[in-house]
Structures are given as structure tokens and as C-alpha cells.
Amino acid sequence: MYIVARNVNGRTEYLKDSSSTSNKTFDDFSIAENFVKKLNTHTQSDKKWYVMELEDEHQDEILPK
């Protein structure tokens, strides 16, 4: 599983699912990477999004929401 994150002012922000407060997750790296490329075309250069791999499916539950 993969999530999308970025660093802003020394803090890590995680992309949220638009229909909830949960972190948006992806099962496929290439889909997550394509999503990030689209996001970054509309993002300030110092706040770029990137893909993070979750070590297990429950790791998303312990990340900040």
C-alpha cells in the first residue's frame, strides 16, 4: 500500500481522501505516482508531494489523520 505525503514547515502532511478524514491510500505504486505528478503541477515547488510505501496495511492507522 502507498500513501501521498509532503513536508511543509518541517512537518509531514498526508493527503486525505476527499470523502473522509482518512489518509488516501493506493494499492499500486504507478497509480500513486501518476496522481502525485498531477498534484505537483499545481503545487508550489517547495511543497511537492511524494509517494510513501506503507510497510504493512495497518501502518496507515497509526499515521496522523
PDB file of N, CA and C in Angstrom:
ATOM      1  N   MET A   1       0.833  -1.181   0.000  1.00  0.00           N
ATOM      2  CA  MET A   1       0.000   0.000   0.000  1.00  0.00           C
ATOM      3  C   MET A   1       0.874   1.240   0.000  1.00  0.00           C
ATOM      4  N   TYR A   2       0.347   2.297  -0.580  1.00  0.00           N
ATOM      5  CA  TYR A   2       1.092   3.551  -0.696  1.00  0.00           C
ATOM      6  C   TYR A   2       0.213   4.719  -0.262  1.00  0.00           C
ATOM      7  N   ILE A   3       0.857   5.749   0.284  1.00  0.00           N
ATOM      8  CA  ILE A   3       0.169   6.989   0.611  1.00  0.00           C
ATOM      9  C   ILE A   3       0.952   8.143   0.009  1.00  0.00           C
ATOM     10  N   VAL A   4       0.327   9.298  -0.027  1.00  0.00           N
ATOM     11  CA  VAL A   4       0.945  10.500  -0.585  1.00  0.00           C
ATOM     12  C   VAL A   4       1.179  11.481   0.555  1.00  0.00           C
ATOM     13  N   ALA A   5       2.390  12.040   0.592  1.00  0.00           N
ATOM     14  CA  ALA A   5       2.760  12.951   1.678  1.00  0.00           C
ATOM     15  C   ALA A   5       3.587  14.100   1.121  1.00  0.00           C
ATOM     16  N   ARG A   6       3.779  15.133   1.960  1.00  0.00           N
ATOM     17  CA  ARG A   6       4.679  16.237   1.636  1.00  0.00           C
ATOM     18  C   ARG A   6       5.162  16.852   2.941  1.00  0.00           C
ATOM     19  N   ASN A   7       6.290  17.532   2.876  1.00  0.00           N
ATOM     20  CA  ASN A   7       6.848  18.213   4.045  1.00  0.00           C
ATOM     21  C   ASN A   7       6.594  19.704   3.910  1.00  0.00           C
ATOM     22  N   VAL A   8       5.968  20.288   4.931  1.00  0.00           N
ATOM     23  CA  VAL A   8       5.666  21.713   4.954  1.00  0.00           C
ATOM     24  C   VAL A   8       6.080  22.252   6.322  1.00  0.00           C
ATOM     25  N   ASN A   9       6.989  23.205   6.308  1.00  0.00           N
ATOM     26  CA  ASN A   9       7.473  23.820   7.555  1.00  0.00           C
ATOM     27  C   ASN A   9       7.953  22.784   8.571  1.00  0.00           C
ATOM     28  N   GLY A  10       8.668  21.773   8.091  1.00  0.00           N
ATOM     29  CA  GLY A  10       9.226  20.762   8.974  1.00  0.00           C
ATOM     30  C   GLY A  10       8.257  19.695   9.444  1.00  0.00           C
ATOM     31  N   ARG A  11       7.030  19.728   8.960  1.00  0.00           N
ATOM     32  CA  ARG A  11       6.016  18.740   9.353  1.00  0.00           C
ATOM     33  C   ARG A  11       5.575  17.955   8.130  1.00  0.00           C
ATOM     34  N   THR A  12       5.256  16.695   8.330  1.00  0.00           N
ATOM     35  CA  THR A  12       4.770  15.857   7.243  1.00  0.00           C
ATOM     36  C   THR A  12       3.253  15.925   7.196  1.00  0.00           C
ATOM     37  N   GLU A  13       2.723  16.235   6.015  1.00  0.00           N
ATOM     38  CA  GLU A  13       1.275  16.242   5.783  1.00  0.00           C
ATOM     39  C   GLU A  13       0.945  15.059   4.890  1.00  0.00           C
ATOM     40  N   TYR A  14      -0.192  14.428   5.150  1.00  0.00           N
ATOM     41  CA  TYR A  14      -0.639  13.293   4.361  1.00  0.00           C
ATOM     42  C   TYR A  14      -1.890  13.683   3.590  1.00  0.00           C
ATOM     43  N   LEU A  15      -1.945  13.284   2.333  1.00  0.00           N
ATOM     44  CA  LEU A  15      -3.105  13.576   1.502  1.00  0.00           C
ATOM     45  C   LEU A  15      -4.308  12.817   2.040  1.00  0.00           C
ATOM     46  N   LYS A  16      -5.412  13.510   2.174  1.00  0.00           N
ATOM     47  CA  LYS A  16      -6.643  12.921   2.714  1.00  0.00           C
ATOM     48  C   LYS A  16      -7.558  12.460   1.588  1.00  0.00           C
ATOM     49  N   ASP A  17      -8.345  11.455   1.880  1.00  0.00           N
ATOM     50  CA  ASP A  17      -9.386  11.011   0.972  1.00  0.00           C
ATOM     51  C   ASP A  17     -10.453  12.093   0.951  1.00  0.00           C
ATOM     52  N   SER A  18     -10.911  12.478  -0.212  1.00  0.00           N
ATOM     53  CA  SER A  18     -11.830  13.619  -0.317  1.00  0.00           C
ATOM     54  C   SER A  18     -13.165  13.389   0.386  1.00  0.00           C
ATOM     55  N   SER A  19     -13.546  12.148   0.584  1.00  0.00           N
ATOM     56  CA  SER A  19     -14.845  11.869   1.196  1.00  0.00           C
ATOM     57  C   SER A  19     -14.754  11.553   2.689  1.00  0.00           C
ATOM     58  N   SER A  20     -13.549  11.691   3.277  1.00  0.00           N
ATOM     59  CA  SER A  20     -13.406  11.387   4.702  1.00  0.00           C
ATOM     60  C   SER A  20     -12.175  12.098   5.270  1.00  0.00           C
ATOM     61  N   THR A  21     -11.883  11.818   6.529  1.00  0.00           N
ATOM     62  CA  THR A  21     -10.684  12.389   7.155  1.00  0.00           C
ATOM     63  C   THR A  21      -9.521  11.398   7.144  1.00  0.00           C
ATOM     64  N   SER A  22      -9.711  10.265   6.497  1.00  0.00           N
ATOM     65  CA  SER A  22      -8.667   9.240   6.415  1.00  0.00           C
ATOM     66  C   SER A  22      -7.630   9.598   5.360  1.00  0.00           C
ATOM     67  N   ASN A  23      -6.425   9.071   5.545  1.00  0.00           N
ATOM     68  CA  ASN A  23      -5.388   9.255   4.543  1.00  0.00           C
ATOM     69  C   ASN A  23      -5.762   8.503   3.275  1.00  0.00           C
ATOM     70  N   LYS A  24      -5.522   9.136   2.134  1.00  0.00           N
ATOM     71  CA  LYS A  24      -5.803   8.492   0.852  1.00  0.00           C
ATOM     72  C   LYS A  24      -4.747   7.421   0.614  1.00  0.00           C
ATOM     73  N   THR A  25      -5.170   6.214   0.283  1.00  0.00           N
ATOM     74  CA  THR A  25      -4.237   5.117   0.044  1.00  0.00           C
ATOM     75  C   THR A  25      -4.373   4.604  -1.385  1.00  0.00           C
ATOM     76  N   PHE A  26      -3.297   4.016  -1.862  1.00  0.00           N
ATOM     77  CA  PHE A  26      -3.241   3.441  -3.202  1.00  0.00           C
ATOM     78  C   PHE A  26      -2.680   2.031  -3.089  1.00  0.00           C
ATOM     79  N   ASP A  27      -3.214   1.109  -3.862  1.00  0.00           N
ATOM     80  CA  ASP A  27      -2.697  -0.258  -3.881  1.00  0.00           C
ATOM     81  C   ASP A  27      -1.536  -0.409  -4.855  1.00  0.00           C
ATOM     82  N   ASP A  28      -1.454   0.481  -5.830  1.00  0.00           N
ATOM     83  CA  ASP A  28      -0.468   0.373  -6.901  1.00  0.00           C
ATOM     84  C   ASP A  28       0.441   1.600  -6.924  1.00  0.00           C
ATOM     85  N   PHE A  29       1.761   1.374  -6.945  1.00  0.00           N
ATOM     86  CA  PHE A  29       2.712   2.482  -6.928  1.00  0.00           C
ATOM     87  C   PHE A  29       2.560   3.384  -8.148  1.00  0.00           C
ATOM     88  N   SER A  30       2.388   2.809  -9.328  1.00  0.00           N
ATOM     89  CA  SER A  30       2.320   3.632 -10.540  1.00  0.00           C
ATOM     90  C   SER A  30       1.093   4.539 -10.538  1.00  0.00           C
ATOM     91  N   ILE A  31      -0.006   4.084  -9.984  1.00  0.00           N
ATOM     92  CA  ILE A  31      -1.200   4.927  -9.884  1.00  0.00           C
ATOM     93  C   ILE A  31      -0.942   6.070  -8.910  1.00  0.00           C
ATOM     94  N   ALA A  32      -0.313   5.764  -7.780  1.00  0.00           N
ATOM     95  CA  ALA A  32       0.028   6.808  -6.805  1.00  0.00           C
ATOM     96  C   ALA A  32       1.002   7.812  -7.411  1.00  0.00           C
ATOM     97  N   GLU A  33       1.989   7.321  -8.135  1.00  0.00           N
ATOM     98  CA  GLU A  33       2.987   8.198  -8.751  1.00  0.00           C
ATOM     99  C   GLU A  33       2.350   9.125  -9.790  1.00  0.00           C
ATOM    100  N   ASN A  34       1.461   8.607 -10.603  1.00  0.00           N
ATOM    101  CA  ASN A  34       0.761   9.443 -11.589  1.00  0.00           C
ATOM    102  C   ASN A  34      -0.101  10.495 -10.904  1.00  0.00           C
ATOM    103  N   PHE A  35      -0.751  10.133  -9.815  1.00  0.00           N
ATOM    104  CA  PHE A  35      -1.565  11.075  -9.048  1.00  0.00           C
ATOM    105  C   PHE A  35      -0.695  12.204  -8.508  1.00  0.00           C
ATOM    106  N   VAL A  36       0.482  11.854  -7.967  1.00  0.00           N
ATOM    107  CA  VAL A  36       1.420  12.838  -7.425  1.00  0.00           C
ATOM    108  C   VAL A  36       1.904  13.787  -8.520  1.00  0.00           C
ATOM    109  N   LYS A  37       2.181  13.255  -9.688  1.00  0.00           N
ATOM    110  CA  LYS A  37       2.633  14.109 -10.802  1.00  0.00           C
ATOM    111  C   LYS A  37       1.578  15.155 -11.136  1.00  0.00           C
ATOM    112  N   LYS A  38       0.321  14.756 -11.156  1.00  0.00           N
ATOM    113  CA  LYS A  38      -0.766  15.703 -11.428  1.00  0.00           C
ATOM    114  C   LYS A  38      -0.889  16.734 -10.308  1.00  0.00           C
ATOM    115  N   LEU A  39      -0.812  16.277  -9.060  1.00  0.00           N
ATOM    116  CA  LEU A  39      -0.882  17.202  -7.924  1.00  0.00           C
ATOM    117  C   LEU A  39       0.239  18.235  -7.987  1.00  0.00           C
ATOM    118  N   ASN A  40       1.433  17.787  -8.304  1.00  0.00           N
ATOM    119  CA  ASN A  40       2.596  18.666  -8.278  1.00  0.00           C
ATOM    120  C   ASN A  40       2.619  19.689  -9.407  1.00  0.00           C
ATOM    121  N   THR A  41       1.815  19.505 -10.430  1.00  0.00           N
ATOM    122  CA  THR A  41       1.744  20.528 -11.481  1.00  0.00           C
ATOM    123  C   THR A  41       1.035  21.778 -10.976  1.00  0.00           C
ATOM    124  N   HIS A  42       0.296  21.644  -9.873  1.00  0.00           N
ATOM    125  CA  HIS A  42      -0.453  22.762  -9.296  1.00  0.00           C
ATOM    126  C   HIS A  42       0.011  23.092  -7.876  1.00  0.00           C
ATOM    127  N   THR A  43       1.253  22.732  -7.551  1.00  0.00           N
ATOM    128  CA  THR A  43       1.773  22.886  -6.193  1.00  0.00           C
ATOM    129  C   THR A  43       3.037  23.731  -6.200  1.00  0.00           C
ATOM    130  N   GLN A  44       3.223  24.537  -5.161  1.00  0.00           N
ATOM    131  CA  GLN A  44       4.446  25.325  -5.031  1.00  0.00           C
ATOM    132  C   GLN A  44       5.649  24.395  -4.975  1.00  0.00           C
ATOM    133  N   SER A  45       6.761  24.831  -5.565  1.00  0.00           N
ATOM    134  CA  SER A  45       7.928  23.960  -5.699  1.00  0.00           C
ATOM    135  C   SER A  45       8.505  23.496  -4.365  1.00  0.00           C
ATOM    136  N   ASP A  46       8.310  24.248  -3.296  1.00  0.00           N
ATOM    137  CA  ASP A  46       8.858  23.842  -2.001  1.00  0.00           C
ATOM    138  C   ASP A  46       7.897  22.962  -1.195  1.00  0.00           C
ATOM    139  N   LYS A  47       6.757  22.629  -1.768  1.00  0.00           N
ATOM    140  CA  LYS A  47       5.756  21.813  -1.069  1.00  0.00           C
ATOM    141  C   LYS A  47       5.306  20.636  -1.932  1.00  0.00           C
ATOM    142  N   LYS A  48       6.255  19.988  -2.594  1.00  0.00           N
ATOM    143  CA  LYS A  48       5.933  18.899  -3.511  1.00  0.00           C
ATOM    144  C   LYS A  48       5.476  17.647  -2.769  1.00  0.00           C
ATOM    145  N   TRP A  49       4.511  16.962  -3.365  1.00  0.00           N
ATOM    146  CA  TRP A  49       4.008  15.696  -2.850  1.00  0.00           C
ATOM    147  C   TRP A  49       4.927  14.569  -3.302  1.00  0.00           C
ATOM    148  N   TYR A  50       4.954  13.474  -2.542  1.00  0.00           N
ATOM    149  CA  TYR A  50       5.729  12.289  -2.907  1.00  0.00           C
ATOM    150  C   TYR A  50       4.991  11.047  -2.407  1.00  0.00           C
ATOM    151  N   VAL A  51       5.378   9.895  -2.944  1.00  0.00           N
ATOM    152  CA  VAL A  51       4.736   8.632  -2.592  1.00  0.00           C
ATOM    153  C   VAL A  51       5.547   7.943  -1.497  1.00  0.00           C
ATOM    154  N   MET A  52       4.847   7.430  -0.494  1.00  0.00           N
ATOM    155  CA  MET A  52       5.469   6.648   0.585  1.00  0.00           C
ATOM    156  C   MET A  52       4.864   5.249   0.584  1.00  0.00           C
ATOM    157  N   GLU A  53       5.717   4.257   0.726  1.00  0.00           N
ATOM    158  CA  GLU A  53       5.213   2.888   0.832  1.00  0.00           C
ATOM    159  C   GLU A  53       4.952   2.560   2.297  1.00  0.00           C
ATOM    160  N   LEU A  54       3.795   1.990   2.568  1.00  0.00           N
ATOM    161  CA  LEU A  54       3.478   1.535   3.924  1.00  0.00           C
ATOM    162  C   LEU A  54       4.043   0.132   4.088  1.00  0.00           C
ATOM    163  N   GLU A  55       4.689  -0.127   5.204  1.00  0.00           N
ATOM    164  CA  GLU A  55       5.298  -1.434   5.427  1.00  0.00           C
ATOM    165  C   GLU A  55       4.255  -2.529   5.607  1.00  0.00           C
ATOM    166  N   ASP A  56       3.124  -2.192   6.197  1.00  0.00           N
ATOM    167  CA  ASP A  56       2.019  -3.143   6.294  1.00  0.00           C
ATOM    168  C   ASP A  56       0.706  -2.373   6.197  1.00  0.00           C
ATOM    169  N   GLU A  57      -0.361  -3.098   5.958  1.00  0.00           N
ATOM    170  CA  GLU A  57      -1.647  -2.450   5.699  1.00  0.00           C
ATOM    171  C   GLU A  57      -2.200  -1.699   6.896  1.00  0.00           C
ATOM    172  N   HIS A  58      -1.725  -1.973   8.105  1.00  0.00           N
ATOM    173  CA  HIS A  58      -2.231  -1.307   9.304  1.00  0.00           C
ATOM    174  C   HIS A  58      -1.419  -0.074   9.668  1.00  0.00           C
ATOM    175  N   GLN A  59      -0.309   0.162   8.978  1.00  0.00           N
ATOM    176  CA  GLN A  59       0.524   1.320   9.297  1.00  0.00           C
ATOM    177  C   GLN A  59      -0.245   2.619   9.088  1.00  0.00           C
ATOM    178  N   ASP A  60      -1.146   2.666   8.116  1.00  0.00           N
ATOM    179  CA  ASP A  60      -1.938   3.870   7.870  1.00  0.00           C
ATOM    180  C   ASP A  60      -2.765   4.249   9.097  1.00  0.00           C
ATOM    181  N   GLU A  61      -3.143   3.271   9.896  1.00  0.00           N
ATOM    182  CA  GLU A  61      -3.961   3.532  11.081  1.00  0.00           C
ATOM    183  C   GLU A  61      -3.190   4.290  12.164  1.00  0.00           C
ATOM    184  N   ILE A  62      -1.852   4.190  12.165  1.00  0.00           N
ATOM    185  CA  ILE A  62      -1.071   4.860  13.201  1.00  0.00           C
ATOM    186  C   ILE A  62      -0.526   6.211  12.751  1.00  0.00           C
ATOM    187  N   LEU A  63      -0.607   6.512  11.457  1.00  0.00           N
ATOM    188  CA  LEU A  63      -0.163   7.813  10.964  1.00  0.00           C
ATOM    189  C   LEU A  63      -1.182   8.875  11.336  1.00  0.00           C
ATOM    190  N   PRO A  64      -0.738  10.105  11.544  1.00  0.00           N
ATOM    191  CA  PRO A  64      -1.689  11.182  11.860  1.00  0.00           C
ATOM    192  C   PRO A  64      -2.732  11.339  10.764  1.00  0.00           C
ATOM    193  N   LYS A  65      -3.943  11.606  11.167  1.00  0.00           N
ATOM    194  CA  LYS A  65      -5.036  11.799  10.197  1.00  0.00           C
ATOM    195  C   LYS A  65      -5.179  13.250   9.838  1.00  0.00           C
TER     196      LYS A  65
END
